[in-house]
């Protein structure tokens, strides 16, 4: 861990919480990083689980419009 000139641990970097925008400590002491709280972390997880967020990509080859009639 980095230390300041006075010998005390240097403060971690502060980032904006991706959910609410409040300052969040980016350091091992913040167990919810990059979020400011467990609540913001859970809201984000719920958004992923309900497909509010999606990772861009193309459809796998062979799946577009093909049906197997047996």
N, C-alpha and C. Protein backbone atom coordinates (compact mmCIF):
# COMPACT_ATOMS: atom_id res chain seq x y z
N UNK A 1 0.85 -1.17 0.00
CA UNK A 1 0.00 0.00 0.00
C UNK A 1 0.89 1.23 0.00
N UNK A 2 0.51 2.24 -0.76
CA UNK A 2 1.27 3.47 -0.81
C UNK A 2 1.09 4.27 0.47
N UNK A 3 2.13 4.99 0.85
CA UNK A 3 2.04 5.83 2.04
C UNK A 3 2.34 7.26 1.66
N UNK A 4 1.78 8.18 2.42
CA UNK A 4 2.04 9.59 2.18
C UNK A 4 3.34 10.00 2.86
N UNK A 5 3.75 11.24 2.66
CA UNK A 5 5.01 11.74 3.23
C UNK A 5 4.98 11.67 4.76
N UNK A 6 3.82 11.77 5.37
CA UNK A 6 3.69 11.74 6.82
C UNK A 6 3.74 10.31 7.36
N UNK A 7 3.74 9.30 6.47
CA UNK A 7 3.81 7.92 6.90
C UNK A 7 2.46 7.24 7.08
N UNK A 8 1.37 7.97 6.94
CA UNK A 8 0.04 7.36 7.05
C UNK A 8 -0.36 6.81 5.69
N UNK A 9 -1.26 5.83 5.65
CA UNK A 9 -1.69 5.28 4.37
C UNK A 9 -2.30 6.35 3.48
N UNK A 10 -1.95 6.32 2.21
CA UNK A 10 -2.50 7.29 1.26
C UNK A 10 -3.97 6.97 1.03
N UNK A 11 -4.82 8.00 0.90
CA UNK A 11 -6.24 7.73 0.66
C UNK A 11 -6.43 7.12 -0.72
N UNK A 12 -7.46 6.29 -0.85
CA UNK A 12 -7.76 5.69 -2.14
C UNK A 12 -8.34 6.71 -3.09
N UNK A 13 -8.38 6.35 -4.33
CA UNK A 13 -8.95 7.24 -5.35
C UNK A 13 -10.46 7.27 -5.20
N UNK A 14 -11.05 8.41 -5.44
CA UNK A 14 -12.50 8.55 -5.36
C UNK A 14 -13.06 8.58 -6.78
N UNK A 15 -14.08 7.76 -7.02
CA UNK A 15 -14.75 7.70 -8.31
C UNK A 15 -16.24 7.95 -8.11
N UNK A 16 -16.95 8.23 -9.19
CA UNK A 16 -18.39 8.39 -9.10
C UNK A 16 -19.06 7.03 -9.14
N UNK A 17 -20.01 6.83 -8.26
CA UNK A 17 -20.80 5.59 -8.25
C UNK A 17 -21.54 5.49 -9.59
N UNK A 18 -21.42 4.37 -10.30
CA UNK A 18 -22.10 4.25 -11.59
C UNK A 18 -23.62 4.29 -11.50
N UNK A 19 -24.17 4.05 -10.32
CA UNK A 19 -25.62 4.03 -10.18
C UNK A 19 -26.17 5.40 -9.79
N UNK A 20 -25.65 6.00 -8.72
CA UNK A 20 -26.24 7.24 -8.21
C UNK A 20 -25.37 8.48 -8.41
N UNK A 21 -24.08 8.28 -8.72
CA UNK A 21 -23.20 9.41 -8.96
C UNK A 21 -22.51 9.96 -7.73
N UNK A 22 -22.80 9.42 -6.56
CA UNK A 22 -22.13 9.88 -5.34
C UNK A 22 -20.67 9.44 -5.35
N UNK A 23 -19.81 10.12 -4.61
CA UNK A 23 -18.40 9.69 -4.54
C UNK A 23 -18.29 8.32 -3.87
N UNK A 24 -17.44 7.48 -4.45
CA UNK A 24 -17.21 6.14 -3.91
C UNK A 24 -15.70 5.91 -3.85
N UNK A 25 -15.24 5.38 -2.75
CA UNK A 25 -13.82 5.11 -2.56
C UNK A 25 -13.42 3.89 -3.38
N UNK A 26 -12.38 4.04 -4.21
CA UNK A 26 -11.85 2.92 -4.99
C UNK A 26 -10.64 2.38 -4.24
N UNK A 27 -10.91 1.53 -3.28
CA UNK A 27 -9.86 0.95 -2.44
C UNK A 27 -10.40 -0.35 -1.85
N UNK A 28 -9.51 -1.24 -1.41
CA UNK A 28 -9.96 -2.52 -0.83
C UNK A 28 -10.92 -2.34 0.35
N UNK A 29 -10.87 -1.21 1.03
CA UNK A 29 -11.76 -0.98 2.17
C UNK A 29 -13.23 -0.86 1.74
N UNK A 30 -13.47 -0.47 0.48
CA UNK A 30 -14.84 -0.36 -0.02
C UNK A 30 -15.22 -1.68 -0.65
N UNK A 31 -15.96 -2.50 0.06
CA UNK A 31 -16.29 -3.84 -0.42
C UNK A 31 -17.29 -3.83 -1.56
N UNK A 32 -17.90 -2.69 -1.87
CA UNK A 32 -18.87 -2.60 -2.96
C UNK A 32 -18.32 -1.87 -4.17
N UNK A 33 -17.03 -1.58 -4.21
CA UNK A 33 -16.49 -0.78 -5.32
C UNK A 33 -16.81 -1.41 -6.66
N UNK A 34 -17.14 -0.66 -7.65
CA UNK A 34 -17.07 0.78 -7.78
C UNK A 34 -18.29 1.52 -7.26
N UNK A 35 -19.20 0.80 -6.60
CA UNK A 35 -20.42 1.42 -6.09
C UNK A 35 -20.18 2.03 -4.72
N UNK A 36 -21.07 2.95 -4.32
CA UNK A 36 -20.91 3.61 -3.03
C UNK A 36 -21.51 2.79 -1.89
N UNK A 37 -22.42 1.87 -2.22
CA UNK A 37 -23.09 1.10 -1.17
C UNK A 37 -23.59 -0.23 -1.72
N UNK A 38 -23.99 -1.10 -0.82
CA UNK A 38 -24.55 -2.38 -1.22
C UNK A 38 -25.85 -2.17 -2.00
N UNK A 39 -26.62 -1.17 -1.62
CA UNK A 39 -27.88 -0.87 -2.31
C UNK A 39 -27.64 -0.57 -3.78
N UNK A 40 -26.67 0.29 -4.08
CA UNK A 40 -26.37 0.62 -5.48
C UNK A 40 -25.86 -0.60 -6.24
N UNK A 41 -25.09 -1.43 -5.58
CA UNK A 41 -24.59 -2.65 -6.21
C UNK A 41 -25.74 -3.59 -6.56
N UNK A 42 -26.71 -3.73 -5.64
CA UNK A 42 -27.86 -4.59 -5.87
C UNK A 42 -28.77 -4.06 -6.98
N UNK A 43 -28.93 -2.73 -7.05
CA UNK A 43 -29.73 -2.13 -8.11
C UNK A 43 -29.10 -2.44 -9.47
N UNK A 44 -27.79 -2.33 -9.57
CA UNK A 44 -27.10 -2.61 -10.82
C UNK A 44 -27.22 -4.09 -11.19
N UNK A 45 -27.06 -4.97 -10.22
CA UNK A 45 -27.20 -6.41 -10.48
C UNK A 45 -28.60 -6.73 -10.97
N UNK A 46 -29.60 -6.11 -10.37
CA UNK A 46 -30.98 -6.32 -10.81
C UNK A 46 -31.22 -5.84 -12.23
N UNK A 47 -30.57 -4.75 -12.61
CA UNK A 47 -30.71 -4.24 -13.98
C UNK A 47 -30.12 -5.23 -14.99
N UNK A 48 -28.98 -5.82 -14.66
CA UNK A 48 -28.39 -6.84 -15.54
C UNK A 48 -29.31 -8.06 -15.61
N UNK A 49 -29.84 -8.48 -14.48
CA UNK A 49 -30.68 -9.68 -14.43
C UNK A 49 -31.98 -9.51 -15.20
N UNK A 50 -32.49 -8.28 -15.28
CA UNK A 50 -33.74 -8.04 -15.99
C UNK A 50 -33.52 -7.56 -17.43
N UNK A 51 -32.29 -7.73 -17.93
CA UNK A 51 -31.93 -7.39 -19.31
C UNK A 51 -32.07 -5.91 -19.64
N UNK A 52 -31.93 -5.03 -18.63
CA UNK A 52 -31.91 -3.60 -18.92
C UNK A 52 -30.58 -3.21 -19.55
N UNK A 53 -29.53 -3.97 -19.28
CA UNK A 53 -28.22 -3.76 -19.89
C UNK A 53 -27.96 -4.94 -20.82
N UNK A 54 -27.30 -4.67 -21.93
CA UNK A 54 -26.95 -5.74 -22.85
C UNK A 54 -25.57 -5.48 -23.41
N UNK A 55 -24.84 -6.54 -23.65
CA UNK A 55 -23.53 -6.45 -24.26
C UNK A 55 -23.73 -6.58 -25.76
N UNK A 56 -23.22 -5.61 -26.52
CA UNK A 56 -23.39 -5.63 -27.96
C UNK A 56 -22.66 -6.81 -28.58
N UNK A 57 -23.25 -7.37 -29.59
CA UNK A 57 -22.64 -8.48 -30.29
C UNK A 57 -23.53 -8.94 -31.41
N UNK A 58 -23.02 -9.83 -32.21
CA UNK A 58 -23.82 -10.36 -33.31
C UNK A 58 -24.40 -11.71 -32.92
N UNK A 59 -25.45 -12.10 -33.64
CA UNK A 59 -26.07 -13.39 -33.38
C UNK A 59 -25.14 -14.50 -33.84
N UNK A 60 -25.14 -15.63 -33.16
CA UNK A 60 -24.31 -16.76 -33.60
C UNK A 60 -24.72 -17.23 -34.99
N UNK A 61 -23.77 -17.66 -35.79
CA UNK A 61 -24.05 -18.14 -37.15
C UNK A 61 -24.98 -19.34 -37.11
N UNK A 62 -25.93 -19.37 -38.03
CA UNK A 62 -26.83 -20.52 -38.12
C UNK A 62 -28.11 -20.37 -37.34
N UNK A 63 -28.24 -19.37 -36.48
CA UNK A 63 -29.44 -19.20 -35.67
C UNK A 63 -30.45 -18.24 -36.30
N UNK A 64 -30.05 -17.47 -37.26
CA UNK A 64 -30.92 -16.42 -37.80
C UNK A 64 -31.93 -17.00 -38.79
N UNK A 65 -33.16 -17.17 -38.38
CA UNK A 65 -34.25 -17.54 -39.25
C UNK A 65 -34.29 -19.01 -39.66
N UNK A 66 -33.47 -19.85 -39.15
CA UNK A 66 -33.48 -21.26 -39.53
C UNK A 66 -34.32 -22.06 -38.54
N UNK A 67 -35.17 -22.93 -39.06
CA UNK A 67 -35.99 -23.78 -38.21
C UNK A 67 -35.83 -25.22 -38.68
N UNK A 68 -35.76 -26.11 -37.74
CA UNK A 68 -35.65 -27.53 -38.07
C UNK A 68 -37.03 -28.15 -37.97
N UNK A 69 -37.59 -28.51 -39.11
CA UNK A 69 -38.94 -29.08 -39.12
C UNK A 69 -38.95 -30.58 -38.88
N UNK A 70 -37.77 -31.15 -38.72
CA UNK A 70 -37.69 -32.51 -38.30
C UNK A 70 -37.68 -33.51 -39.34
